[in-house]
Structure formats: structure tokens, C-alpha cells
């Protein structure tokens, strides 16, 4: 136990020396932070690197574009240590079926509740995803919530940084407030350092969006990076509410946190 703790502390020192603890590379989003270079499309994907461990979260809609953007962002498939797919919809899972043949040792985490087509697609390429039900630590300091009930169910990613939880969501079908509450309860925290991903508000009206913004403020969400299915109206309202602590995610964006 002492040896493991010493190794963990050494890793923290190394990362601190680099001045960077966590990095998020947005691979796939409805908007692009580098227009004409990293292309935008409906869907979401990001690569999260935390203290030398690298997680792929979701994999976009078009497999070829996903792989192209991954390459443009300098992420080689074999450098990814694990992948989790937030929910079963194609705009979040399609790319992983083209990635897996390039890295057949990659552990991939599906919710146990994913419907049959996702499992059939995996079987075609001899992929055997890990079935997730409850919360679990996938990589050091990187947790899945496990199943959060919605239509469909989803899992979110919580990263335990030294300055608070960084939380990533795919499409927030269960509701963004419910997902944040779940992470805070599971991780024993009363705030969120950064909330990034699809908030699923593109079909909602201002009163409904504002009510969720108020709830997120009460939950002490300190910064937001809405993406994908959030919607233009919601983007404007989040910008008003968070000011300089708001920014779009955007394909091609590289977010670094110390």
C-alpha cells in the first residue's frame, strides 16, 4: 500500500512539474474551434488525459470523420487506455466500431442496458465491451457514474482533479441536473469544477433552460463548456449566466487544466 501511494504521489509531482493535470481534446462536435481544419458534425467525442491516463469518451457519428479528427488532434489509437460510450445512440457510438480494429486491446465500456443493435455491431468485429451497471473507476481518478436512468439511460464521466471534479456528459437524456447530482453524491463533492458535453436543450424553451441553469448554479457548477445537442438558445443563456466561465467545446479545441 505504501509503495502504491508513493508511486501515486510521484505521478502527481511529475504532472505538477509539467504545469498540467488534465487535458481534454474535443474530437467531435457540432461546431469547430478550428474551422476548415478539424471538421464539425452532429455528434460528440472527446479524449481526456488525466495524470498520464487517457480515456476516449464517445466517438461521434461518422467513423471516417471521427478517425480523421482524432489524427488531426495527434491522438494515435494505441495511446488510448480505455473508452466509454455514454449511451447507445449512433451519434455517440458509431466511431468506436472503426477504432477497435486499430487497437484490439482497448477496453470499451458500454452500459449493460444498451439495446441489441449496439451489441450486434460489437459482435461483428469480435469486440467484447465491458458491461457497466453501477459506478466504477475505469482509470485512476476517472469514474463512470454507471447507469443513470433516462430515455435512454446514460453514463457520465467524473474526473477527480486536485481542484475539483471535472465532469463530462454525452447527451444528458436523463437531465443535466440529475447527472450532476448523481456525480456529486457518488464522489462526495458539493461542487463541479468544469461541466462539459451535450446538455440536450436544443428543443427547450427559455423558462425550462433557465430553471436548469438556476439548479446548476445552486449545485456550484463553476465553469461550463456546452457542446453538441445543447442548442443556440441555451448557449446564449449559459453565456449570460457564467460569463467568462462559459465557452463552447468545439471540435479541435484543446482544454488544459492545472
C-alpha atoms as a PDB file:
ATOM      1  CA  UNK A   1       0.000   0.000   0.000  1.00  0.00           C
ATOM      2  CA  UNK A   2       2.855   2.421   0.890  1.00  0.00           C
ATOM      3  CA  UNK A   3       4.593   1.657  -2.420  1.00  0.00           C
ATOM      4  CA  UNK A   4       1.389   2.347  -4.391  1.00  0.00           C
ATOM      5  CA  UNK A   5       0.857   5.614  -2.523  1.00  0.00           C
ATOM      6  CA  UNK A   6       4.456   6.676  -3.206  1.00  0.00           C
ATOM      7  CA  UNK A   7       4.009   5.950  -6.909  1.00  0.00           C
ATOM      8  CA  UNK A   8       0.773   7.943  -6.953  1.00  0.00           C
ATOM      9  CA  UNK A   9       2.447  10.929  -5.268  1.00  0.00           C
ATOM     10  CA  UNK A  10       5.369  10.719  -7.684  1.00  0.00           C
ATOM     11  CA  UNK A  11       2.954  10.857 -10.634  1.00  0.00           C
ATOM     12  CA  UNK A  12       1.298  13.932  -9.111  1.00  0.00           C
ATOM     13  CA  UNK A  13       4.693  15.634  -8.762  1.00  0.00           C
ATOM     14  CA  UNK A  14       5.558  14.862 -12.396  1.00  0.00           C
ATOM     15  CA  UNK A  15       2.255  16.268 -13.648  1.00  0.00           C
ATOM     16  CA  UNK A  16       2.581  19.330 -11.410  1.00  0.00           C
ATOM     17  CA  UNK A  17       6.038  19.950 -12.825  1.00  0.00           C
ATOM     18  CA  UNK A  18       4.544  19.912 -16.291  1.00  0.00           C
ATOM     19  CA  UNK A  19       2.022  22.521 -15.148  1.00  0.00           C
ATOM     20  CA  UNK A  20      -0.859  20.402 -16.407  1.00  0.00           C
ATOM     21  CA  UNK A  21      -3.029  17.879 -14.626  1.00  0.00           C
ATOM     22  CA  UNK A  22      -5.812  17.288 -17.132  1.00  0.00           C
ATOM     23  CA  UNK A  23      -6.225  17.776 -20.869  1.00  0.00           C
ATOM     24  CA  UNK A  24      -9.379  17.472 -22.968  1.00  0.00           C
ATOM     25  CA  UNK A  25      -9.151  17.227 -26.756  1.00  0.00           C
ATOM     26  CA  UNK A  26     -12.583  17.735 -28.326  1.00  0.00           C
ATOM     27  CA  UNK A  27     -12.631  15.340 -31.270  1.00  0.00           C
ATOM     28  CA  UNK A  28     -16.213  15.657 -32.498  1.00  0.00           C
ATOM     29  CA  UNK A  29     -18.802  18.390 -32.029  1.00  0.00           C
ATOM     30  CA  UNK A  30     -21.464  20.363 -33.901  1.00  0.00           C
ATOM     31  CA  UNK A  31     -19.144  23.362 -34.039  1.00  0.00           C
ATOM     32  CA  UNK A  32     -15.430  23.633 -34.789  1.00  0.00           C
ATOM     33  CA  UNK A  33     -12.809  25.580 -32.889  1.00  0.00           C
ATOM     34  CA  UNK A  34     -10.556  25.222 -35.946  1.00  0.00           C
ATOM     35  CA  UNK A  35     -12.848  25.767 -38.965  1.00  0.00           C
ATOM     36  CA  UNK A  36     -11.538  24.219 -42.153  1.00  0.00           C
ATOM     37  CA  UNK A  37      -9.031  22.117 -40.229  1.00  0.00           C
ATOM     38  CA  UNK A  38     -10.998  19.998 -37.758  1.00  0.00           C
ATOM     39  CA  UNK A  39     -14.455  19.497 -39.245  1.00  0.00           C
ATOM     40  CA  UNK A  40     -17.691  19.819 -37.310  1.00  0.00           C
ATOM     41  CA  UNK A  41     -20.631  17.394 -37.488  1.00  0.00           C
ATOM     42  CA  UNK A  42     -23.624  16.367 -35.382  1.00  0.00           C
ATOM     43  CA  UNK A  43     -22.301  14.169 -32.572  1.00  0.00           C
ATOM     44  CA  UNK A  44     -19.804  14.231 -29.746  1.00  0.00           C
ATOM     45  CA  UNK A  45     -16.424  12.770 -28.792  1.00  0.00           C
ATOM     46  CA  UNK A  46     -13.500  13.815 -26.626  1.00  0.00           C
ATOM     47  CA  UNK A  47     -10.216  12.389 -25.393  1.00  0.00           C
ATOM     48  CA  UNK A  48      -9.470  13.063 -21.721  1.00  0.00           C
ATOM     49  CA  UNK A  49      -5.896  12.675 -20.458  1.00  0.00           C
ATOM     50  CA  UNK A  50      -5.512  12.736 -16.676  1.00  0.00           C
ATOM     51  CA  UNK A  51      -2.141  12.191 -14.993  1.00  0.00           C
ATOM     52  CA  UNK A  52      -0.863  10.206 -17.998  1.00  0.00           C
ATOM     53  CA  UNK A  53      -4.012   8.045 -18.324  1.00  0.00           C
ATOM     54  CA  UNK A  54      -6.058   8.545 -21.498  1.00  0.00           C
ATOM     55  CA  UNK A  55      -9.796   7.973 -21.888  1.00  0.00           C
ATOM     56  CA  UNK A  56     -11.920   8.204 -25.021  1.00  0.00           C
ATOM     57  CA  UNK A  57     -15.413   9.453 -24.220  1.00  0.00           C
ATOM     58  CA  UNK A  58     -17.906   8.786 -27.047  1.00  0.00           C
ATOM     59  CA  UNK A  59     -16.938   8.507 -30.716  1.00  0.00           C
ATOM     60  CA  UNK A  60     -19.146  10.665 -32.944  1.00  0.00           C
ATOM     61  CA  UNK A  61     -21.475   9.873 -35.825  1.00  0.00           C
ATOM     62  CA  UNK A  62     -19.329   9.338 -38.925  1.00  0.00           C
ATOM     63  CA  UNK A  63     -16.496   6.847 -38.278  1.00  0.00           C
ATOM     64  CA  UNK A  64     -14.223   8.195 -41.025  1.00  0.00           C
ATOM     65  CA  UNK A  65     -14.541  11.784 -39.795  1.00  0.00           C
ATOM     66  CA  UNK A  66     -14.007  10.641 -36.196  1.00  0.00           C
ATOM     67  CA  UNK A  67     -10.740   8.900 -37.121  1.00  0.00           C
ATOM     68  CA  UNK A  68      -9.637  11.862 -39.255  1.00  0.00           C
ATOM     69  CA  UNK A  69     -10.244  14.330 -36.432  1.00  0.00           C
ATOM     70  CA  UNK A  70      -8.537  12.020 -33.957  1.00  0.00           C
ATOM     71  CA  UNK A  71      -5.453  12.012 -36.191  1.00  0.00           C
ATOM     72  CA  UNK A  72      -5.524  15.806 -36.640  1.00  0.00           C
ATOM     73  CA  UNK A  73      -5.541  16.177 -32.875  1.00  0.00           C
ATOM     74  CA  UNK A  74      -2.494  13.956 -32.576  1.00  0.00           C
ATOM     75  CA  UNK A  75      -4.164  11.034 -30.837  1.00  0.00           C
ATOM     76  CA  UNK A  76      -2.908   7.637 -32.011  1.00  0.00           C
ATOM     77  CA  UNK A  77      -5.391   4.811 -31.289  1.00  0.00           C
ATOM     78  CA  UNK A  78      -2.827   2.773 -29.379  1.00  0.00           C
ATOM     79  CA  UNK A  79      -2.290   5.638 -26.881  1.00  0.00           C
ATOM     80  CA  UNK A  80      -5.879   5.366 -25.610  1.00  0.00           C
ATOM     81  CA  UNK A  81      -6.129   3.280 -22.423  1.00  0.00           C
ATOM     82  CA  UNK A  82      -9.923   2.894 -22.220  1.00  0.00           C
ATOM     83  CA  UNK A  83     -13.104   4.059 -23.950  1.00  0.00           C
ATOM     84  CA  UNK A  84     -16.572   4.665 -22.561  1.00  0.00           C
ATOM     85  CA  UNK A  85     -19.716   5.281 -24.580  1.00  0.00           C
ATOM     86  CA  UNK A  86     -22.251   7.451 -22.775  1.00  0.00           C
ATOM     87  CA  UNK A  87     -25.334   5.961 -24.385  1.00  0.00           C
ATOM     88  CA  UNK A  88     -26.451   3.821 -27.293  1.00  0.00           C
ATOM     89  CA  UNK A  89     -27.314   6.453 -29.915  1.00  0.00           C
ATOM     90  CA  UNK A  90     -25.289   6.338 -33.137  1.00  0.00           C
ATOM     91  CA  UNK A  91     -24.021   9.910 -32.865  1.00  0.00           C
ATOM     92  CA  UNK A  92     -22.056   8.828 -29.801  1.00  0.00           C
ATOM     93  CA  UNK A  93     -21.078   5.219 -30.527  1.00  0.00           C
ATOM     94  CA  UNK A  94     -20.538   4.796 -34.284  1.00  0.00           C
ATOM     95  CA  UNK A  95     -16.852   5.693 -34.421  1.00  0.00           C
ATOM     96  CA  UNK A  96     -15.736   3.182 -31.815  1.00  0.00           C
ATOM     97  CA  UNK A  97     -16.519   0.277 -34.161  1.00  0.00           C
ATOM     98  CA  UNK A  98     -13.899   1.587 -36.618  1.00  0.00           C
ATOM     99  CA  UNK A  99     -11.426   2.439 -33.863  1.00  0.00           C
ATOM    100  CA  UNK A 100     -11.442  -1.005 -32.235  1.00  0.00           C
ATOM    101  CA  UNK A 101      -9.892  -2.895 -35.197  1.00  0.00           C
ATOM    102  CA  UNK A 102      -6.968  -0.451 -34.931  1.00  0.00           C
ATOM    103  CA  UNK A 103      -6.499  -1.165 -31.208  1.00  0.00           C
ATOM    104  CA  UNK A 104      -7.916  -4.577 -30.331  1.00  0.00           C
ATOM    105  CA  UNK A 105      -6.689  -4.496 -26.731  1.00  0.00           C
ATOM    106  CA  UNK A 106      -8.744  -1.383 -25.982  1.00  0.00           C
ATOM    107  CA  UNK A 107     -11.222  -1.907 -23.105  1.00  0.00           C
ATOM    108  CA  UNK A 108     -14.582  -0.397 -24.092  1.00  0.00           C
ATOM    109  CA  UNK A 109     -17.324   0.289 -21.559  1.00  0.00           C
ATOM    110  CA  UNK A 110     -20.997   0.019 -22.585  1.00  0.00           C
ATOM    111  CA  UNK A 111     -23.957   0.325 -20.258  1.00  0.00           C
ATOM    112  CA  UNK A 112     -25.493  -3.077 -19.667  1.00  0.00           C
ATOM    113  CA  UNK A 113     -28.828  -1.587 -20.769  1.00  0.00           C
ATOM    114  CA  UNK A 114     -27.674  -0.787 -24.334  1.00  0.00           C
ATOM    115  CA  UNK A 115     -30.132  -2.272 -26.813  1.00  0.00           C
ATOM    116  CA  UNK A 116     -29.350  -5.199 -29.093  1.00  0.00           C
ATOM    117  CA  UNK A 117     -28.049  -3.303 -32.188  1.00  0.00           C
ATOM    118  CA  UNK A 118     -25.034  -1.963 -30.257  1.00  0.00           C
ATOM    119  CA  UNK A 119     -24.086  -5.448 -29.062  1.00  0.00           C
ATOM    120  CA  UNK A 120     -24.670  -6.949 -32.519  1.00  0.00           C
ATOM    121  CA  UNK A 121     -22.339  -4.383 -34.072  1.00  0.00           C
ATOM    122  CA  UNK A 122     -19.694  -5.200 -31.471  1.00  0.00           C
ATOM    123  CA  UNK A 123     -20.023  -8.926 -32.097  1.00  0.00           C
ATOM    124  CA  UNK A 124     -19.386  -8.458 -35.828  1.00  0.00           C
ATOM    125  CA  UNK A 125     -15.842  -7.251 -35.102  1.00  0.00           C
ATOM    126  CA  UNK A 126     -15.169  -9.547 -32.112  1.00  0.00           C
ATOM    127  CA  UNK A 127     -15.414  -6.614 -29.681  1.00  0.00           C
ATOM    128  CA  UNK A 128     -16.452  -7.625 -26.187  1.00  0.00           C
ATOM    129  CA  UNK A 129     -17.436  -4.451 -24.347  1.00  0.00           C
ATOM    130  CA  UNK A 130     -17.340  -4.373 -20.564  1.00  0.00           C
ATOM    131  CA  UNK A 131     -20.915  -4.257 -19.241  1.00  0.00           C
ATOM    132  CA  UNK A 132     -21.441  -1.368 -16.812  1.00  0.00           C
ATOM    133  CA  UNK A 133     -24.261  -1.116 -14.292  1.00  0.00           C
ATOM    134  CA  UNK A 134     -23.071   0.758 -11.201  1.00  0.00           C
ATOM    135  CA  UNK A 135     -20.382   3.355 -10.629  1.00  0.00           C
ATOM    136  CA  UNK A 136     -16.790   2.182 -11.108  1.00  0.00           C
ATOM    137  CA  UNK A 137     -13.298   3.557 -11.503  1.00  0.00           C
ATOM    138  CA  UNK A 138     -12.210   2.844 -15.087  1.00  0.00           C
ATOM    139  CA  UNK A 139      -8.782   4.511 -14.894  1.00  0.00           C
ATOM    140  CA  UNK A 140      -7.121   6.077 -11.824  1.00  0.00           C
ATOM    141  CA  UNK A 141      -9.261   9.022 -10.749  1.00  0.00           C
ATOM    142  CA  UNK A 142     -11.634   8.587 -13.703  1.00  0.00           C
ATOM    143  CA  UNK A 143     -15.081   7.268 -12.794  1.00  0.00           C
ATOM    144  CA  UNK A 144     -18.235   6.299 -14.621  1.00  0.00           C
ATOM    145  CA  UNK A 145     -21.493   7.014 -12.851  1.00  0.00           C
ATOM    146  CA  UNK A 146     -22.851   3.746 -14.133  1.00  0.00           C
ATOM    147  CA  UNK A 147     -26.481   3.742 -15.208  1.00  0.00           C
ATOM    148  CA  UNK A 148     -28.371   6.992 -14.740  1.00  0.00           C
ATOM    149  CA  UNK A 149     -31.933   6.299 -15.794  1.00  0.00           C
ATOM    150  CA  UNK A 150     -33.350   8.257 -18.701  1.00  0.00           C
ATOM    151  CA  UNK A 151     -34.654   7.760 -22.209  1.00  0.00           C
ATOM    152  CA  UNK A 152     -32.227   6.285 -22.971  1.00  0.00           C
ATOM    153  CA  UNK A 153     -30.059   5.584 -19.932  1.00  0.00           C
ATOM    154  CA  UNK A 154     -26.643   7.242 -19.826  1.00  0.00           C
ATOM    155  CA  UNK A 155     -23.342   7.147 -18.025  1.00  0.00           C
ATOM    156  CA  UNK A 156     -21.248  10.259 -17.323  1.00  0.00           C
ATOM    157  CA  UNK A 157     -17.535  10.647 -16.630  1.00  0.00           C
ATOM    158  CA  UNK A 158     -16.224  12.200 -13.407  1.00  0.00           C
ATOM    159  CA  UNK A 159     -12.518  13.038 -13.092  1.00  0.00           C
ATOM    160  CA  UNK A 160     -11.189  13.715  -9.598  1.00  0.00           C
ATOM    161  CA  UNK A 161      -8.682  16.526 -10.161  1.00  0.00           C
ATOM    162  CA  UNK A 162      -6.810  18.220  -7.333  1.00  0.00           C
ATOM    163  CA  UNK A 163      -9.049  21.296  -7.766  1.00  0.00           C
ATOM    164  CA  UNK A 164     -12.404  19.560  -8.008  1.00  0.00           C
ATOM    165  CA  UNK A 165     -14.484  17.313 -10.225  1.00  0.00           C
ATOM    166  CA  UNK A 166     -14.347  17.703 -13.993  1.00  0.00           C
ATOM    167  CA  UNK A 167     -17.486  16.150 -15.421  1.00  0.00           C
ATOM    168  CA  UNK A 168     -18.225  15.086 -18.999  1.00  0.00           C
ATOM    169  CA  UNK A 169     -21.651  14.184 -20.390  1.00  0.00           C
ATOM    170  CA  UNK A 170     -22.735  12.851 -23.770  1.00  0.00           C
ATOM    171  CA  UNK A 171     -26.299  13.975 -24.422  1.00  0.00           C
ATOM    172  CA  UNK A 172     -27.864  14.339 -20.948  1.00  0.00           C
ATOM    173  CA  UNK A 173     -31.030  12.406 -21.775  1.00  0.00           C
ATOM    174  CA  UNK A 174     -31.670  11.763 -18.054  1.00  0.00           C
ATOM    175  CA  UNK A 175     -31.374  15.536 -17.472  1.00  0.00           C
ATOM    176  CA  UNK A 176     -28.221  17.525 -16.857  1.00  0.00           C
ATOM    177  CA  UNK A 177     -29.214  18.402 -13.283  1.00  0.00           C
ATOM    178  CA  UNK A 178     -29.846  14.741 -12.441  1.00  0.00           C
ATOM    179  CA  UNK A 179     -26.455  13.781 -13.852  1.00  0.00           C
ATOM    180  CA  UNK A 180     -24.638  16.455 -11.833  1.00  0.00           C
ATOM    181  CA  UNK A 181     -26.497  15.466  -8.664  1.00  0.00           C
ATOM    182  CA  UNK A 182     -25.511  11.844  -9.273  1.00  0.00           C
ATOM    183  CA  UNK A 183     -21.819  12.671  -9.642  1.00  0.00           C
ATOM    184  CA  UNK A 184     -21.781  14.866  -6.545  1.00  0.00           C
ATOM    185  CA  UNK A 185     -23.495  12.194  -4.471  1.00  0.00           C
ATOM    186  CA  UNK A 186     -21.209   9.425  -5.703  1.00  0.00           C
ATOM    187  CA  UNK A 187     -17.965  11.370  -5.350  1.00  0.00           C
ATOM    188  CA  UNK A 188     -18.929  13.111  -2.108  1.00  0.00           C
ATOM    189  CA  UNK A 189     -18.473  16.608  -3.539  1.00  0.00           C
ATOM    190  CA  UNK A 190     -20.656  19.727  -3.356  1.00  0.00           C
ATOM    191  CA  UNK A 191     -19.347  21.459  -6.499  1.00  0.00           C
ATOM    192  CA  UNK A 192     -18.196  20.791 -10.063  1.00  0.00           C
ATOM    193  CA  UNK A 193     -15.032  22.411 -11.398  1.00  0.00           C
ATOM    194  CA  UNK A 194     -15.999  22.066 -15.071  1.00  0.00           C
ATOM    195  CA  UNK A 195     -19.062  20.621 -16.796  1.00  0.00           C
ATOM    196  CA  UNK A 196     -18.579  19.794 -20.482  1.00  0.00           C
ATOM    197  CA  UNK A 197     -20.604  17.970 -23.141  1.00  0.00           C
ATOM    198  CA  UNK A 198     -24.092  17.860 -24.595  1.00  0.00           C
ATOM    199  CA  UNK A 199     -26.804  19.316 -22.362  1.00  0.00           C
ATOM    200  CA  UNK A 200     -29.745  18.301 -24.642  1.00  0.00           C
ATOM    201  CA  UNK A 201     -31.636  21.592 -24.552  1.00  0.00           C
ATOM    202  CA  UNK A 202     -31.946  22.261 -28.296  1.00  0.00           C
ATOM    203  CA  UNK A 203     -35.723  21.698 -28.236  1.00  0.00           C
ATOM    204  CA  UNK A 204     -36.369  23.517 -24.956  1.00  0.00           C
ATOM    205  CA  UNK A 205     -37.742  27.000 -24.335  1.00  0.00           C
ATOM    206  CA  UNK A 206     -36.103  29.711 -22.239  1.00  0.00           C
ATOM    207  CA  UNK A 207     -38.060  29.128 -18.962  1.00  0.00           C
ATOM    208  CA  UNK A 208     -37.115  25.437 -18.897  1.00  0.00           C
ATOM    209  CA  UNK A 209     -33.471  26.190 -19.668  1.00  0.00           C
ATOM    210  CA  UNK A 210     -33.289  28.958 -17.056  1.00  0.00           C
ATOM    211  CA  UNK A 211     -34.695  26.643 -14.381  1.00  0.00           C
ATOM    212  CA  UNK A 212     -31.873  24.180 -15.061  1.00  0.00           C
ATOM    213  CA  UNK A 213     -29.300  26.975 -15.058  1.00  0.00           C
ATOM    214  CA  UNK A 214     -30.567  28.068 -11.627  1.00  0.00           C
ATOM    215  CA  UNK A 215     -30.291  24.480 -10.375  1.00  0.00           C
ATOM    216  CA  UNK A 216     -26.739  24.119 -11.729  1.00  0.00           C
ATOM    217  CA  UNK A 217     -25.754  27.377 -10.048  1.00  0.00           C
ATOM    218  CA  UNK A 218     -27.104  26.053  -6.725  1.00  0.00           C
ATOM    219  CA  UNK A 219     -25.071  22.893  -7.300  1.00  0.00           C
ATOM    220  CA  UNK A 220     -21.973  25.115  -7.609  1.00  0.00           C
ATOM    221  CA  UNK A 221     -21.010  24.288 -11.180  1.00  0.00           C
ATOM    222  CA  UNK A 222     -18.085  26.666 -11.577  1.00  0.00           C
ATOM    223  CA  UNK A 223     -17.481  26.558 -15.345  1.00  0.00           C
ATOM    224  CA  UNK A 224     -19.344  25.187 -18.378  1.00  0.00           C
ATOM    225  CA  UNK A 225     -18.411  24.095 -21.895  1.00  0.00           C
ATOM    226  CA  UNK A 226     -21.715  23.152 -23.584  1.00  0.00           C
ATOM    227  CA  UNK A 227     -21.498  21.074 -26.766  1.00  0.00           C
ATOM    228  CA  UNK A 228     -23.433  19.044 -29.313  1.00  0.00           C
ATOM    229  CA  UNK A 229     -27.180  18.992 -28.534  1.00  0.00           C
ATOM    230  CA  UNK A 230     -27.226  21.998 -26.198  1.00  0.00           C
ATOM    231  CA  UNK A 231     -28.826  24.387 -28.722  1.00  0.00           C
ATOM    232  CA  UNK A 232     -28.203  28.021 -29.665  1.00  0.00           C
ATOM    233  CA  UNK A 233     -30.759  29.474 -27.234  1.00  0.00           C
ATOM    234  CA  UNK A 234     -29.238  27.550 -24.345  1.00  0.00           C
ATOM    235  CA  UNK A 235     -25.723  28.582 -25.368  1.00  0.00           C
ATOM    236  CA  UNK A 236     -26.769  32.219 -25.114  1.00  0.00           C
ATOM    237  CA  UNK A 237     -28.349  31.740 -21.700  1.00  0.00           C
ATOM    238  CA  UNK A 238     -25.347  29.822 -20.350  1.00  0.00           C
ATOM    239  CA  UNK A 239     -23.061  32.570 -21.668  1.00  0.00           C
ATOM    240  CA  UNK A 240     -25.100  35.163 -19.769  1.00  0.00           C
ATOM    241  CA  UNK A 241     -25.124  33.112 -16.579  1.00  0.00           C
ATOM    242  CA  UNK A 242     -21.434  32.083 -16.475  1.00  0.00           C
ATOM    243  CA  UNK A 243     -19.727  34.959 -18.280  1.00  0.00           C
ATOM    244  CA  UNK A 244     -16.004  34.299 -18.632  1.00  0.00           C
ATOM    245  CA  UNK A 245     -16.502  30.810 -17.178  1.00  0.00           C
ATOM    246  CA  UNK A 246     -18.527  29.853 -20.264  1.00  0.00           C
ATOM    247  CA  UNK A 247     -17.073  28.663 -23.574  1.00  0.00           C
ATOM    248  CA  UNK A 248     -18.151  26.340 -26.340  1.00  0.00           C
ATOM    249  CA  UNK A 249     -16.483  22.958 -26.575  1.00  0.00           C
ATOM    250  CA  UNK A 250     -15.885  22.879 -30.358  1.00  0.00           C
ATOM    251  CA  UNK A 251     -14.145  20.175 -32.380  1.00  0.00           C
ATOM    252  CA  UNK A 252     -10.404  20.770 -32.403  1.00  0.00           C
ATOM    253  CA  UNK A 253     -10.348  22.562 -29.070  1.00  0.00           C
ATOM    254  CA  UNK A 254      -7.676  21.520 -26.577  1.00  0.00           C
ATOM    255  CA  UNK A 255      -8.553  22.404 -22.971  1.00  0.00           C
ATOM    256  CA  UNK A 256      -5.773  22.206 -20.381  1.00  0.00           C
ATOM    257  CA  UNK A 257      -6.295  22.465 -16.630  1.00  0.00           C
ATOM    258  CA  UNK A 258      -3.597  22.754 -13.993  1.00  0.00           C
END
